[in-house]
């Protein structure tokens, strides 16, 4: 950040130039749970893992939400990946294709279940064949995070799984939740570029005052 305290001429204000550059920030989920079609009244908001199963007869979906308030203002989002940590396979039928969908209405981690689940877009942001090997799994969610950040779409989180489910017996994935410390919680890994302090661009607008050497200047 560059400070310009102006000149000694009256009426020549100083200013504060905005910082520029690139950065990456990792944001941990503020809410996560899973819902199941076979037992629609069950809630799972406090569990240490959440399940995903793309089986039509036993559909299970994960709901996850993030708070973007730690992102700098006035930047351009250039990359955004959802990362989940696969802990185990509750049922192993081989790799399945799992997708990420925008959630379009609000929901409560502690009370949501299949019967009260939020509305969701039917258009997948990204779909991946997810291996059964434990470890991190990632999906590209750039367009959704950009719309949240720019305010063009409300941030109600996202769903991982399948909207309608697939026929036949399917694998059940168990991912680490935010309650599963010290294991990794769901994360958004966001890259950005551009000005990082645009609101400070003209912070110093008063005419400068000549001060002697050694004086302290307090700027509020």
C-alpha atoms as a PDB file:
ATOM      1  CA  UNK A   1       0.000   0.000   0.000  1.00  0.00           C
ATOM      2  CA  UNK A   2       1.386   3.390  -1.032  1.00  0.00           C
ATOM      3  CA  UNK A   3       0.748   6.495   1.085  1.00  0.00           C
ATOM      4  CA  UNK A   4       0.813   9.944  -0.491  1.00  0.00           C
ATOM      5  CA  UNK A   5       0.572  12.650   2.177  1.00  0.00           C
ATOM      6  CA  UNK A   6       0.230  15.432  -0.374  1.00  0.00           C
ATOM      7  CA  UNK A   7       2.391  18.525  -0.809  1.00  0.00           C
ATOM      8  CA  UNK A   8       2.872  21.603   1.372  1.00  0.00           C
ATOM      9  CA  UNK A   9       0.557  23.554  -0.917  1.00  0.00           C
ATOM     10  CA  UNK A  10      -2.865  24.217   0.535  1.00  0.00           C
ATOM     11  CA  UNK A  11      -5.692  22.251  -1.024  1.00  0.00           C
ATOM     12  CA  UNK A  12      -3.547  19.399  -2.346  1.00  0.00           C
ATOM     13  CA  UNK A  13      -4.978  16.287  -0.687  1.00  0.00           C
ATOM     14  CA  UNK A  14      -3.182  13.087  -0.061  1.00  0.00           C
ATOM     15  CA  UNK A  15      -4.481   9.674  -0.981  1.00  0.00           C
ATOM     16  CA  UNK A  16      -4.036   5.985  -0.302  1.00  0.00           C
ATOM     17  CA  UNK A  17      -3.434   3.813  -3.332  1.00  0.00           C
ATOM     18  CA  UNK A  18      -5.144   0.458  -3.415  1.00  0.00           C
ATOM     19  CA  UNK A  19      -2.987  -2.648  -3.132  1.00  0.00           C
ATOM     20  CA  UNK A  20      -2.795  -4.845  -6.196  1.00  0.00           C
ATOM     21  CA  UNK A  21      -1.667  -8.380  -6.931  1.00  0.00           C
ATOM     22  CA  UNK A  22      -2.882 -11.952  -6.662  1.00  0.00           C
ATOM     23  CA  UNK A  23      -3.699 -14.239  -3.798  1.00  0.00           C
ATOM     24  CA  UNK A  24      -5.269 -17.500  -2.681  1.00  0.00           C
ATOM     25  CA  UNK A  25      -7.513 -17.994   0.322  1.00  0.00           C
ATOM     26  CA  UNK A  26      -8.852 -21.202   1.865  1.00  0.00           C
ATOM     27  CA  UNK A  27     -12.312 -20.930   3.434  1.00  0.00           C
ATOM     28  CA  UNK A  28     -13.713 -23.646   5.704  1.00  0.00           C
ATOM     29  CA  UNK A  29     -17.390 -24.571   5.633  1.00  0.00           C
ATOM     30  CA  UNK A  30     -19.683 -22.880   8.142  1.00  0.00           C
ATOM     31  CA  UNK A  31     -22.455 -25.458   7.645  1.00  0.00           C
ATOM     32  CA  UNK A  32     -22.507 -29.040   6.377  1.00  0.00           C
ATOM     33  CA  UNK A  33     -24.875 -31.973   6.653  1.00  0.00           C
ATOM     34  CA  UNK A  34     -26.480 -34.704   4.567  1.00  0.00           C
ATOM     35  CA  UNK A  35     -30.049 -35.731   3.817  1.00  0.00           C
ATOM     36  CA  UNK A  36     -31.452 -39.112   2.820  1.00  0.00           C
ATOM     37  CA  UNK A  37     -34.504 -39.920   0.757  1.00  0.00           C
ATOM     38  CA  UNK A  38     -35.111 -43.324   2.350  1.00  0.00           C
ATOM     39  CA  UNK A  39     -35.460 -41.875   5.880  1.00  0.00           C
ATOM     40  CA  UNK A  40     -36.762 -38.360   5.143  1.00  0.00           C
ATOM     41  CA  UNK A  41     -37.136 -37.199   8.769  1.00  0.00           C
ATOM     42  CA  UNK A  42     -33.523 -37.863   9.790  1.00  0.00           C
ATOM     43  CA  UNK A  43     -31.156 -34.954  10.524  1.00  0.00           C
ATOM     44  CA  UNK A  44     -27.355 -35.212  10.455  1.00  0.00           C
ATOM     45  CA  UNK A  45     -26.017 -31.707  11.115  1.00  0.00           C
ATOM     46  CA  UNK A  46     -23.773 -32.605  14.072  1.00  0.00           C
ATOM     47  CA  UNK A  47     -22.142 -35.715  12.647  1.00  0.00           C
ATOM     48  CA  UNK A  48     -18.405 -35.984  11.960  1.00  0.00           C
ATOM     49  CA  UNK A  49     -18.944 -37.304   8.427  1.00  0.00           C
ATOM     50  CA  UNK A  50     -21.542 -36.790   5.737  1.00  0.00           C
ATOM     51  CA  UNK A  51     -22.645 -39.341   3.180  1.00  0.00           C
ATOM     52  CA  UNK A  52     -23.240 -39.081  -0.546  1.00  0.00           C
ATOM     53  CA  UNK A  53     -24.986 -41.842  -2.503  1.00  0.00           C
ATOM     54  CA  UNK A  54     -26.180 -41.381  -6.101  1.00  0.00           C
ATOM     55  CA  UNK A  55     -28.646 -44.297  -5.929  1.00  0.00           C
ATOM     56  CA  UNK A  56     -32.196 -43.442  -6.956  1.00  0.00           C
ATOM     57  CA  UNK A  57     -33.821 -45.814  -4.462  1.00  0.00           C
ATOM     58  CA  UNK A  58     -31.588 -44.617  -1.595  1.00  0.00           C
ATOM     59  CA  UNK A  59     -30.532 -41.116  -2.614  1.00  0.00           C
ATOM     60  CA  UNK A  60     -28.207 -39.259  -0.212  1.00  0.00           C
ATOM     61  CA  UNK A  61     -27.063 -35.673  -0.777  1.00  0.00           C
ATOM     62  CA  UNK A  62     -24.572 -33.420   1.019  1.00  0.00           C
ATOM     63  CA  UNK A  63     -25.418 -29.772   1.765  1.00  0.00           C
ATOM     64  CA  UNK A  64     -22.516 -27.372   2.368  1.00  0.00           C
ATOM     65  CA  UNK A  65     -22.284 -23.610   2.875  1.00  0.00           C
ATOM     66  CA  UNK A  66     -19.370 -21.150   3.123  1.00  0.00           C
ATOM     67  CA  UNK A  67     -19.048 -17.554   4.351  1.00  0.00           C
ATOM     68  CA  UNK A  68     -17.105 -15.402   1.881  1.00  0.00           C
ATOM     69  CA  UNK A  69     -16.678 -12.388   4.182  1.00  0.00           C
ATOM     70  CA  UNK A  70     -12.933 -13.049   4.577  1.00  0.00           C
ATOM     71  CA  UNK A  71     -12.358 -12.358   0.869  1.00  0.00           C
ATOM     72  CA  UNK A  72     -10.834  -8.926   0.104  1.00  0.00           C
ATOM     73  CA  UNK A  73     -13.233  -6.448  -1.460  1.00  0.00           C
ATOM     74  CA  UNK A  74     -12.908  -5.282  -5.042  1.00  0.00           C
ATOM     75  CA  UNK A  75     -10.978  -8.262  -6.406  1.00  0.00           C
ATOM     76  CA  UNK A  76     -11.612 -10.534  -9.372  1.00  0.00           C
ATOM     77  CA  UNK A  77     -12.202 -14.195  -8.542  1.00  0.00           C
ATOM     78  CA  UNK A  78     -10.049 -16.195 -10.973  1.00  0.00           C
ATOM     79  CA  UNK A  79     -10.397 -19.707  -9.552  1.00  0.00           C
ATOM     80  CA  UNK A  80     -12.580 -21.571  -7.044  1.00  0.00           C
ATOM     81  CA  UNK A  81     -12.496 -25.247  -6.149  1.00  0.00           C
ATOM     82  CA  UNK A  82     -14.580 -27.181  -3.660  1.00  0.00           C
ATOM     83  CA  UNK A  83     -12.416 -29.706  -1.823  1.00  0.00           C
ATOM     84  CA  UNK A  84     -13.826 -32.553   0.258  1.00  0.00           C
ATOM     85  CA  UNK A  85     -11.834 -35.147   2.181  1.00  0.00           C
ATOM     86  CA  UNK A  86     -13.001 -38.714   1.550  1.00  0.00           C
ATOM     87  CA  UNK A  87     -12.675 -40.722   4.772  1.00  0.00           C
ATOM     88  CA  UNK A  88     -14.086 -44.098   3.773  1.00  0.00           C
ATOM     89  CA  UNK A  89     -16.571 -45.983   1.627  1.00  0.00           C
ATOM     90  CA  UNK A  90     -19.628 -47.121   3.592  1.00  0.00           C
ATOM     91  CA  UNK A  91     -20.557 -49.211   0.547  1.00  0.00           C
ATOM     92  CA  UNK A  92     -18.049 -49.818  -2.231  1.00  0.00           C
ATOM     93  CA  UNK A  93     -19.526 -50.422  -5.687  1.00  0.00           C
ATOM     94  CA  UNK A  94     -16.684 -48.663  -7.470  1.00  0.00           C
ATOM     95  CA  UNK A  95     -16.138 -45.069  -8.600  1.00  0.00           C
ATOM     96  CA  UNK A  96     -19.277 -42.976  -9.126  1.00  0.00           C
ATOM     97  CA  UNK A  97     -19.918 -39.685 -10.895  1.00  0.00           C
ATOM     98  CA  UNK A  98     -20.763 -37.008  -8.319  1.00  0.00           C
ATOM     99  CA  UNK A  99     -21.789 -33.481  -9.241  1.00  0.00           C
ATOM    100  CA  UNK A 100     -22.075 -30.100  -7.525  1.00  0.00           C
ATOM    101  CA  UNK A 101     -25.307 -28.077  -7.764  1.00  0.00           C
ATOM    102  CA  UNK A 102     -26.189 -24.575  -6.481  1.00  0.00           C
ATOM    103  CA  UNK A 103     -28.662 -24.465  -3.575  1.00  0.00           C
ATOM    104  CA  UNK A 104     -31.252 -21.782  -4.261  1.00  0.00           C
ATOM    105  CA  UNK A 105     -33.009 -21.342  -0.891  1.00  0.00           C
ATOM    106  CA  UNK A 106     -31.957 -21.122   2.750  1.00  0.00           C
ATOM    107  CA  UNK A 107     -31.580 -24.090   5.113  1.00  0.00           C
ATOM    108  CA  UNK A 108     -30.616 -24.838   8.707  1.00  0.00           C
ATOM    109  CA  UNK A 109     -27.784 -27.263   9.457  1.00  0.00           C
ATOM    110  CA  UNK A 110     -29.398 -28.486  12.670  1.00  0.00           C
ATOM    111  CA  UNK A 111     -32.933 -29.087  11.383  1.00  0.00           C
ATOM    112  CA  UNK A 112     -32.837 -29.734   7.643  1.00  0.00           C
ATOM    113  CA  UNK A 113     -33.866 -33.160   6.417  1.00  0.00           C
ATOM    114  CA  UNK A 114     -35.129 -34.673   3.186  1.00  0.00           C
ATOM    115  CA  UNK A 115     -38.671 -33.487   3.844  1.00  0.00           C
ATOM    116  CA  UNK A 116     -37.561 -29.883   4.445  1.00  0.00           C
ATOM    117  CA  UNK A 117     -34.622 -29.725   2.045  1.00  0.00           C
ATOM    118  CA  UNK A 118     -33.893 -26.473   0.185  1.00  0.00           C
ATOM    119  CA  UNK A 119     -34.519 -25.963  -3.490  1.00  0.00           C
ATOM    120  CA  UNK A 120     -31.623 -26.669  -5.847  1.00  0.00           C
ATOM    121  CA  UNK A 121     -30.666 -25.916  -9.422  1.00  0.00           C
ATOM    122  CA  UNK A 122     -30.906 -28.928 -11.719  1.00  0.00           C
ATOM    123  CA  UNK A 123     -27.846 -27.743 -13.674  1.00  0.00           C
ATOM    124  CA  UNK A 124     -24.567 -29.186 -12.403  1.00  0.00           C
ATOM    125  CA  UNK A 125     -21.609 -26.839 -11.962  1.00  0.00           C
ATOM    126  CA  UNK A 126     -19.123 -29.680 -12.282  1.00  0.00           C
ATOM    127  CA  UNK A 127     -19.257 -33.469 -12.362  1.00  0.00           C
ATOM    128  CA  UNK A 128     -16.383 -35.806 -11.548  1.00  0.00           C
ATOM    129  CA  UNK A 129     -15.830 -39.532 -11.429  1.00  0.00           C
ATOM    130  CA  UNK A 130     -14.767 -39.851  -7.795  1.00  0.00           C
ATOM    131  CA  UNK A 131     -12.315 -42.630  -7.008  1.00  0.00           C
ATOM    132  CA  UNK A 132     -12.829 -44.797  -3.915  1.00  0.00           C
ATOM    133  CA  UNK A 133      -9.355 -43.944  -2.585  1.00  0.00           C
ATOM    134  CA  UNK A 134      -9.400 -41.893   0.630  1.00  0.00           C
ATOM    135  CA  UNK A 135      -8.104 -38.321   0.347  1.00  0.00           C
ATOM    136  CA  UNK A 136      -9.045 -34.953  -1.163  1.00  0.00           C
ATOM    137  CA  UNK A 137     -11.604 -34.715  -3.983  1.00  0.00           C
ATOM    138  CA  UNK A 138     -12.147 -31.466  -5.877  1.00  0.00           C
ATOM    139  CA  UNK A 139     -14.773 -29.824  -8.095  1.00  0.00           C
ATOM    140  CA  UNK A 140     -14.608 -26.566 -10.050  1.00  0.00           C
ATOM    141  CA  UNK A 141     -17.185 -24.102  -8.683  1.00  0.00           C
ATOM    142  CA  UNK A 142     -15.759 -20.878 -10.127  1.00  0.00           C
ATOM    143  CA  UNK A 143     -18.927 -19.544 -11.754  1.00  0.00           C
ATOM    144  CA  UNK A 144     -20.992 -20.005  -8.587  1.00  0.00           C
ATOM    145  CA  UNK A 145     -18.438 -18.379  -6.290  1.00  0.00           C
ATOM    146  CA  UNK A 146     -18.119 -15.445  -8.699  1.00  0.00           C
ATOM    147  CA  UNK A 147     -21.892 -14.934  -8.600  1.00  0.00           C
ATOM    148  CA  UNK A 148     -21.915 -15.100  -4.778  1.00  0.00           C
ATOM    149  CA  UNK A 149     -19.062 -12.612  -4.524  1.00  0.00           C
ATOM    150  CA  UNK A 150     -20.568 -10.219  -7.078  1.00  0.00           C
ATOM    151  CA  UNK A 151     -23.995 -10.415  -5.459  1.00  0.00           C
ATOM    152  CA  UNK A 152     -25.762 -11.722  -8.549  1.00  0.00           C
ATOM    153  CA  UNK A 153     -26.872 -14.892  -6.762  1.00  0.00           C
ATOM    154  CA  UNK A 154     -27.633 -15.445  -3.061  1.00  0.00           C
ATOM    155  CA  UNK A 155     -25.104 -17.604  -1.220  1.00  0.00           C
ATOM    156  CA  UNK A 156     -27.183 -20.564  -0.017  1.00  0.00           C
ATOM    157  CA  UNK A 157     -24.370 -23.064  -0.461  1.00  0.00           C
ATOM    158  CA  UNK A 158     -24.152 -26.088  -2.688  1.00  0.00           C
ATOM    159  CA  UNK A 159     -25.203 -29.704  -2.910  1.00  0.00           C
ATOM    160  CA  UNK A 160     -22.892 -32.596  -3.717  1.00  0.00           C
ATOM    161  CA  UNK A 161     -24.346 -35.788  -5.142  1.00  0.00           C
ATOM    162  CA  UNK A 162     -27.025 -36.396  -7.763  1.00  0.00           C
ATOM    163  CA  UNK A 163     -30.343 -34.637  -8.278  1.00  0.00           C
ATOM    164  CA  UNK A 164     -32.487 -37.661  -9.198  1.00  0.00           C
ATOM    165  CA  UNK A 165     -30.193 -40.638  -8.653  1.00  0.00           C
ATOM    166  CA  UNK A 166     -29.104 -43.535 -10.818  1.00  0.00           C
ATOM    167  CA  UNK A 167     -30.524 -47.033 -11.152  1.00  0.00           C
ATOM    168  CA  UNK A 168     -28.961 -50.054  -9.463  1.00  0.00           C
ATOM    169  CA  UNK A 169     -26.862 -50.376  -6.322  1.00  0.00           C
ATOM    170  CA  UNK A 170     -24.410 -47.497  -5.873  1.00  0.00           C
ATOM    171  CA  UNK A 171     -21.428 -46.641  -3.678  1.00  0.00           C
ATOM    172  CA  UNK A 172     -21.792 -44.634  -0.458  1.00  0.00           C
ATOM    173  CA  UNK A 173     -19.067 -42.046   0.103  1.00  0.00           C
ATOM    174  CA  UNK A 174     -18.280 -40.787   3.626  1.00  0.00           C
ATOM    175  CA  UNK A 175     -16.624 -37.354   3.656  1.00  0.00           C
ATOM    176  CA  UNK A 176     -15.128 -35.531   6.642  1.00  0.00           C
ATOM    177  CA  UNK A 177     -17.387 -32.793   8.034  1.00  0.00           C
ATOM    178  CA  UNK A 178     -16.455 -29.576   9.814  1.00  0.00           C
ATOM    179  CA  UNK A 179     -17.137 -31.344  13.132  1.00  0.00           C
ATOM    180  CA  UNK A 180     -14.407 -33.899  12.418  1.00  0.00           C
ATOM    181  CA  UNK A 181     -11.357 -31.964  13.698  1.00  0.00           C
ATOM    182  CA  UNK A 182      -8.450 -32.423  13.197  1.00  0.00           C
ATOM    183  CA  UNK A 183      -9.437 -34.074   9.913  1.00  0.00           C
ATOM    184  CA  UNK A 184      -9.966 -31.662   6.999  1.00  0.00           C
ATOM    185  CA  UNK A 185     -13.343 -29.927   6.831  1.00  0.00           C
ATOM    186  CA  UNK A 186     -14.947 -29.025   3.478  1.00  0.00           C
ATOM    187  CA  UNK A 187     -12.998 -26.175   1.920  1.00  0.00           C
ATOM    188  CA  UNK A 188     -13.307 -23.563  -0.799  1.00  0.00           C
ATOM    189  CA  UNK A 189      -9.913 -22.770  -2.337  1.00  0.00           C
ATOM    190  CA  UNK A 190     -10.269 -19.398  -4.026  1.00  0.00           C
ATOM    191  CA  UNK A 191      -7.759 -17.517  -6.185  1.00  0.00           C
ATOM    192  CA  UNK A 192      -8.149 -13.815  -6.901  1.00  0.00           C
ATOM    193  CA  UNK A 193      -6.388 -10.899  -8.568  1.00  0.00           C
ATOM    194  CA  UNK A 194      -6.651  -7.130  -8.708  1.00  0.00           C
ATOM    195  CA  UNK A 195      -7.093  -4.327  -6.203  1.00  0.00           C
ATOM    196  CA  UNK A 196      -7.356  -5.526  -2.613  1.00  0.00           C
ATOM    197  CA  UNK A 197      -8.257  -2.231  -0.899  1.00  0.00           C
ATOM    198  CA  UNK A 198     -10.367  -0.222  -3.379  1.00  0.00           C
ATOM    199  CA  UNK A 199     -12.396   1.408  -0.618  1.00  0.00           C
ATOM    200  CA  UNK A 200      -9.226   3.095   0.625  1.00  0.00           C
ATOM    201  CA  UNK A 201      -8.436   4.645  -2.734  1.00  0.00           C
ATOM    202  CA  UNK A 202      -9.250   8.186  -1.618  1.00  0.00           C
ATOM    203  CA  UNK A 203      -9.060   7.757   2.133  1.00  0.00           C
ATOM    204  CA  UNK A 204      -7.006  10.882   2.769  1.00  0.00           C
ATOM    205  CA  UNK A 205      -9.008  13.832   1.544  1.00  0.00           C
ATOM    206  CA  UNK A 206      -8.102  16.586   3.992  1.00  0.00           C
ATOM    207  CA  UNK A 207      -5.609  19.285   3.035  1.00  0.00           C
ATOM    208  CA  UNK A 208      -2.147  18.351   4.325  1.00  0.00           C
ATOM    209  CA  UNK A 209      -0.595  19.897   7.410  1.00  0.00           C
ATOM    210  CA  UNK A 210       3.106  20.653   7.573  1.00  0.00           C
ATOM    211  CA  UNK A 211       4.690  18.804  10.485  1.00  0.00           C
ATOM    212  CA  UNK A 212       8.179  18.898  11.900  1.00  0.00           C
ATOM    213  CA  UNK A 213      10.650  16.039  11.744  1.00  0.00           C
ATOM    214  CA  UNK A 214       9.976  13.354  14.323  1.00  0.00           C
ATOM    215  CA  UNK A 215       6.275  14.158  14.633  1.00  0.00           C
ATOM    216  CA  UNK A 216       3.736  11.349  14.716  1.00  0.00           C
ATOM    217  CA  UNK A 217       0.780  11.385  12.322  1.00  0.00           C
ATOM    218  CA  UNK A 218      -2.390   9.560  13.320  1.00  0.00           C
ATOM    219  CA  UNK A 219      -4.793   8.888  10.465  1.00  0.00           C
ATOM    220  CA  UNK A 220      -8.376   7.882  11.258  1.00  0.00           C
END
